[in-house]
Structure formats: C-alpha cells, structure tokens
Amino acid sequence: QVQLVESGGGLVQAGDSLRLSCAASGRTFSSYKMGWFRQAPGKEREFVAAINWRGGSTDYADSVKGRFAISRDNAKNTVYLQMNSLKPEDTAVYYCAAKSGVITTSTRSWLYWGQGTQVTVSS
C-alpha cells in the first residue's frame, strides 16, 4: 500500500517556474515507478512524466519535453516535478501516481493516486 500527498501547486505567471513534490508513505516506495498526470477543466486526465525506481529512466509527454523534469529521492520517499517556462495551457490539477510493472501513459494502469495539487498559470 502506498499513500501519496502532493504539494507545491499555486498561481504563477507565464514563463515562471514551479516545483511540485509528492511525498509517499510505505516501505516499498523505491520499488514503484512514479508518475505525474494532470487534468484540466473539462478534459481527461493526461500523462505528464514518469520515472523508474532508480531514477535513471524517464518519460515525458511531448507537450512538456524540455520544460519539465521529473526526479525522485528514494531516501526521502519523494518524487518531484520541476516545471519551467510555464504556459497557460499547463493550468490543471496535477496528480502523483505509482505503479509496478512497466511505465505506461494510460491512467488505468496506475495503481495509487494522490489527491492532486492545483497549478494555475496566468497569461
């Protein structure tokens, strides 16, 4: 069992940076792949980024490549999402998720979810 709690969201201007954190409980955190998803109003939840258990392999949605960076600190049971050059279209609720097995972009294959943190980017 893994419980996830996101933090770090807020209201920023276009071009600003923000770092989200996801604190996980559970002694097996390091064995899970970790991911970030987001959901804008009226839209489906979409994949943003994911990282394997060692942190050596990452995957990103095309829309955030070169701007966002996912990382993890297994000693702190925490995964991060550094978001740079934010755009108004990045506005969404951001969710942290965990899964075993291979990394996929489908929400259905992710086992554990946090409650989400709101990110709002003004133009």
C-alpha atoms as a PDB file:
ATOM      1  CA  GLN A   1       0.000   0.000   0.000  1.00  0.00           C
ATOM      2  CA  VAL A   2       1.304   3.462  -0.943  1.00  0.00           C
ATOM      3  CA  GLN A   3      -0.250   6.773   0.039  1.00  0.00           C
ATOM      4  CA  LEU A   4       0.662   9.853  -1.963  1.00  0.00           C
ATOM      5  CA  VAL A   5       0.397  13.518  -0.989  1.00  0.00           C
ATOM      6  CA  GLU A   6       1.176  16.272  -3.494  1.00  0.00           C
ATOM      7  CA  SER A   7       2.267  19.802  -2.659  1.00  0.00           C
ATOM      8  CA  GLY A   8       3.788  22.833  -4.318  1.00  0.00           C
ATOM      9  CA  GLY A   9       0.989  23.973  -6.577  1.00  0.00           C
ATOM     10  CA  GLY A  10      -0.057  27.586  -6.870  1.00  0.00           C
ATOM     11  CA  LEU A  11      -0.761  30.574  -9.071  1.00  0.00           C
ATOM     12  CA  VAL A  12       2.093  31.756 -11.270  1.00  0.00           C
ATOM     13  CA  GLN A  13       2.594  33.834 -14.377  1.00  0.00           C
ATOM     14  CA  ALA A  14       3.515  32.526 -17.798  1.00  0.00           C
ATOM     15  CA  GLY A  15       7.247  31.885 -18.002  1.00  0.00           C
ATOM     16  CA  ASP A  16       7.601  31.215 -14.290  1.00  0.00           C
ATOM     17  CA  SER A  17       8.799  28.008 -12.669  1.00  0.00           C
ATOM     18  CA  LEU A  18       7.241  25.781 -10.050  1.00  0.00           C
ATOM     19  CA  ARG A  19       8.312  22.579  -8.332  1.00  0.00           C
ATOM     20  CA  LEU A  20       5.780  20.009  -7.256  1.00  0.00           C
ATOM     21  CA  SER A  21       6.532  17.407  -4.627  1.00  0.00           C
ATOM     22  CA  CYS A  22       4.873  14.105  -3.914  1.00  0.00           C
ATOM     23  CA  ALA A  23       5.506  12.501  -0.549  1.00  0.00           C
ATOM     24  CA  ALA A  24       4.860   8.784  -0.373  1.00  0.00           C
ATOM     25  CA  SER A  25       4.265   6.577   2.601  1.00  0.00           C
ATOM     26  CA  GLY A  26       5.099   2.919   2.575  1.00  0.00           C
ATOM     27  CA  ARG A  27       8.262   0.973   2.926  1.00  0.00           C
ATOM     28  CA  THR A  28       8.286  -0.193  -0.684  1.00  0.00           C
ATOM     29  CA  PHE A  29       8.316   3.239  -2.323  1.00  0.00           C
ATOM     30  CA  SER A  30      11.583   2.605  -4.101  1.00  0.00           C
ATOM     31  CA  SER A  31      10.145  -0.400  -5.900  1.00  0.00           C
ATOM     32  CA  TYR A  32       7.432   1.582  -7.688  1.00  0.00           C
ATOM     33  CA  LYS A  33       7.517   3.567 -10.862  1.00  0.00           C
ATOM     34  CA  MET A  34       6.314   7.093 -10.153  1.00  0.00           C
ATOM     35  CA  GLY A  35       4.438   9.402 -12.449  1.00  0.00           C
ATOM     36  CA  TRP A  36       2.746  12.760 -12.782  1.00  0.00           C
ATOM     37  CA  PHE A  37      -0.535  13.324 -14.546  1.00  0.00           C
ATOM     38  CA  ARG A  38      -2.694  16.390 -14.942  1.00  0.00           C
ATOM     39  CA  GLN A  39      -6.326  17.180 -15.568  1.00  0.00           C
ATOM     40  CA  ALA A  40      -7.585  20.475 -16.900  1.00  0.00           C
ATOM     41  CA  PRO A  41     -11.235  21.522 -16.523  1.00  0.00           C
ATOM     42  CA  GLY A  42     -13.439  19.638 -18.947  1.00  0.00           C
ATOM     43  CA  LYS A  43     -10.606  17.420 -20.124  1.00  0.00           C
ATOM     44  CA  GLU A  44      -9.469  13.905 -19.407  1.00  0.00           C
ATOM     45  CA  ARG A  45      -6.553  13.198 -17.124  1.00  0.00           C
ATOM     46  CA  GLU A  46      -3.354  13.014 -19.154  1.00  0.00           C
ATOM     47  CA  PHE A  47       0.140  11.697 -18.691  1.00  0.00           C
ATOM     48  CA  VAL A  48       2.875  14.238 -17.964  1.00  0.00           C
ATOM     49  CA  ALA A  49       6.012  12.382 -16.859  1.00  0.00           C
ATOM     50  CA  ALA A  50       7.231   9.177 -15.249  1.00  0.00           C
ATOM     51  CA  ILE A  51      10.387   7.809 -13.704  1.00  0.00           C
ATOM     52  CA  ASN A  52      11.617   4.328 -12.926  1.00  0.00           C
ATOM     53  CA  TRP A  53      12.616   3.193  -9.458  1.00  0.00           C
ATOM     54  CA  ARG A  54      16.275   4.058  -9.822  1.00  0.00           C
ATOM     55  CA  GLY A  55      15.609   7.380 -11.470  1.00  0.00           C
ATOM     56  CA  GLY A  56      17.735   6.529 -14.460  1.00  0.00           C
ATOM     57  CA  SER A  57      14.888   6.300 -16.928  1.00  0.00           C
ATOM     58  CA  THR A  58      12.307   8.978 -17.517  1.00  0.00           C
ATOM     59  CA  ASP A  59       9.494   9.576 -19.951  1.00  0.00           C
ATOM     60  CA  TYR A  60       7.649  12.775 -20.832  1.00  0.00           C
ATOM     61  CA  ALA A  61       4.634  13.907 -22.750  1.00  0.00           C
ATOM     62  CA  ASP A  62       5.599  15.802 -25.890  1.00  0.00           C
ATOM     63  CA  SER A  63       3.870  18.904 -24.577  1.00  0.00           C
ATOM     64  CA  VAL A  64       6.277  19.220 -21.632  1.00  0.00           C
ATOM     65  CA  LYS A  65       9.540  17.877 -23.052  1.00  0.00           C
ATOM     66  CA  GLY A  66      12.381  20.304 -22.486  1.00  0.00           C
ATOM     67  CA  ARG A  67      10.390  22.277 -19.905  1.00  0.00           C
ATOM     68  CA  PHE A  68       9.533  19.778 -17.156  1.00  0.00           C
ATOM     69  CA  ALA A  69      11.845  17.419 -15.277  1.00  0.00           C
ATOM     70  CA  ILE A  70      10.869  14.528 -13.032  1.00  0.00           C
ATOM     71  CA  SER A  71      13.171  13.246 -10.316  1.00  0.00           C
ATOM     72  CA  ARG A  72      12.966  11.161  -7.182  1.00  0.00           C
ATOM     73  CA  ASP A  73      14.714  10.800  -3.854  1.00  0.00           C
ATOM     74  CA  ASN A  74      14.118   7.294  -2.560  1.00  0.00           C
ATOM     75  CA  ALA A  75      15.732   8.129   0.778  1.00  0.00           C
ATOM     76  CA  LYS A  76      13.028  10.764   1.299  1.00  0.00           C
ATOM     77  CA  ASN A  77      10.212   8.802  -0.348  1.00  0.00           C
ATOM     78  CA  THR A  78       9.581  11.800  -2.556  1.00  0.00           C
ATOM     79  CA  VAL A  79       9.180  12.429  -6.252  1.00  0.00           C
ATOM     80  CA  TYR A  80       9.430  15.892  -7.797  1.00  0.00           C
ATOM     81  CA  LEU A  81       8.252  17.649 -10.915  1.00  0.00           C
ATOM     82  CA  GLN A  82      10.250  20.734 -11.824  1.00  0.00           C
ATOM     83  CA  MET A  83       8.202  22.840 -14.200  1.00  0.00           C
ATOM     84  CA  ASN A  84       9.901  25.637 -16.106  1.00  0.00           C
ATOM     85  CA  SER A  85       8.690  28.069 -18.752  1.00  0.00           C
ATOM     86  CA  LEU A  86       5.125  27.503 -17.667  1.00  0.00           C
ATOM     87  CA  LYS A  87       2.330  28.279 -20.106  1.00  0.00           C
ATOM     88  CA  PRO A  88      -1.353  28.996 -19.512  1.00  0.00           C
ATOM     89  CA  GLU A  89      -2.149  25.632 -21.112  1.00  0.00           C
ATOM     90  CA  ASP A  90      -0.268  23.945 -18.260  1.00  0.00           C
ATOM     91  CA  THR A  91      -3.077  25.001 -15.937  1.00  0.00           C
ATOM     92  CA  ALA A  92      -4.532  21.859 -14.361  1.00  0.00           C
ATOM     93  CA  VAL A  93      -4.754  19.757 -11.249  1.00  0.00           C
ATOM     94  CA  TYR A  94      -1.554  17.738 -11.061  1.00  0.00           C
ATOM     95  CA  TYR A  95      -1.654  14.223  -9.669  1.00  0.00           C
ATOM     96  CA  CYS A  96       1.092  11.957  -8.459  1.00  0.00           C
ATOM     97  CA  ALA A  97       0.745   8.244  -9.167  1.00  0.00           C
ATOM     98  CA  ALA A  98       2.572   4.999  -8.511  1.00  0.00           C
ATOM     99  CA  LYS A  99       2.609   1.646 -10.223  1.00  0.00           C
ATOM    100  CA  SER A 100       4.556  -1.533 -10.574  1.00  0.00           C
ATOM    101  CA  GLY A 101       5.500  -3.064 -13.891  1.00  0.00           C
ATOM    102  CA  VAL A 102       6.347  -1.095 -16.987  1.00  0.00           C
ATOM    103  CA  ILE A 103       5.708   2.601 -17.322  1.00  0.00           C
ATOM    104  CA  THR A 104       2.651   3.416 -19.395  1.00  0.00           C
ATOM    105  CA  THR A 105       0.825   6.617 -20.217  1.00  0.00           C
ATOM    106  CA  SER A 106      -2.589   5.129 -19.552  1.00  0.00           C
ATOM    107  CA  THR A 107      -4.180   6.228 -16.296  1.00  0.00           C
ATOM    108  CA  ARG A 108      -5.877   2.848 -15.948  1.00  0.00           C
ATOM    109  CA  SER A 109      -2.621   1.023 -15.294  1.00  0.00           C
ATOM    110  CA  TRP A 110      -1.517   3.223 -12.399  1.00  0.00           C
ATOM    111  CA  LEU A 111      -2.401   1.759  -9.029  1.00  0.00           C
ATOM    112  CA  TYR A 112      -2.059   4.534  -6.454  1.00  0.00           C
ATOM    113  CA  TRP A 113      -3.059   8.191  -6.747  1.00  0.00           C
ATOM    114  CA  GLY A 114      -2.709  11.339  -4.704  1.00  0.00           C
ATOM    115  CA  GLN A 115      -5.442  13.932  -4.217  1.00  0.00           C
ATOM    116  CA  GLY A 116      -3.867  16.427  -6.589  1.00  0.00           C
ATOM    117  CA  THR A 117      -2.500  19.955  -6.384  1.00  0.00           C
ATOM    118  CA  GLN A 118      -3.758  22.896  -8.428  1.00  0.00           C
ATOM    119  CA  VAL A 119      -1.419  24.706 -10.785  1.00  0.00           C
ATOM    120  CA  THR A 120      -2.719  27.881 -12.408  1.00  0.00           C
ATOM    121  CA  VAL A 121      -0.680  29.790 -14.955  1.00  0.00           C
ATOM    122  CA  SER A 122      -1.871  33.262 -15.873  1.00  0.00           C
ATOM    123  CA  SER A 123      -1.017  34.916 -19.168  1.00  0.00           C
END
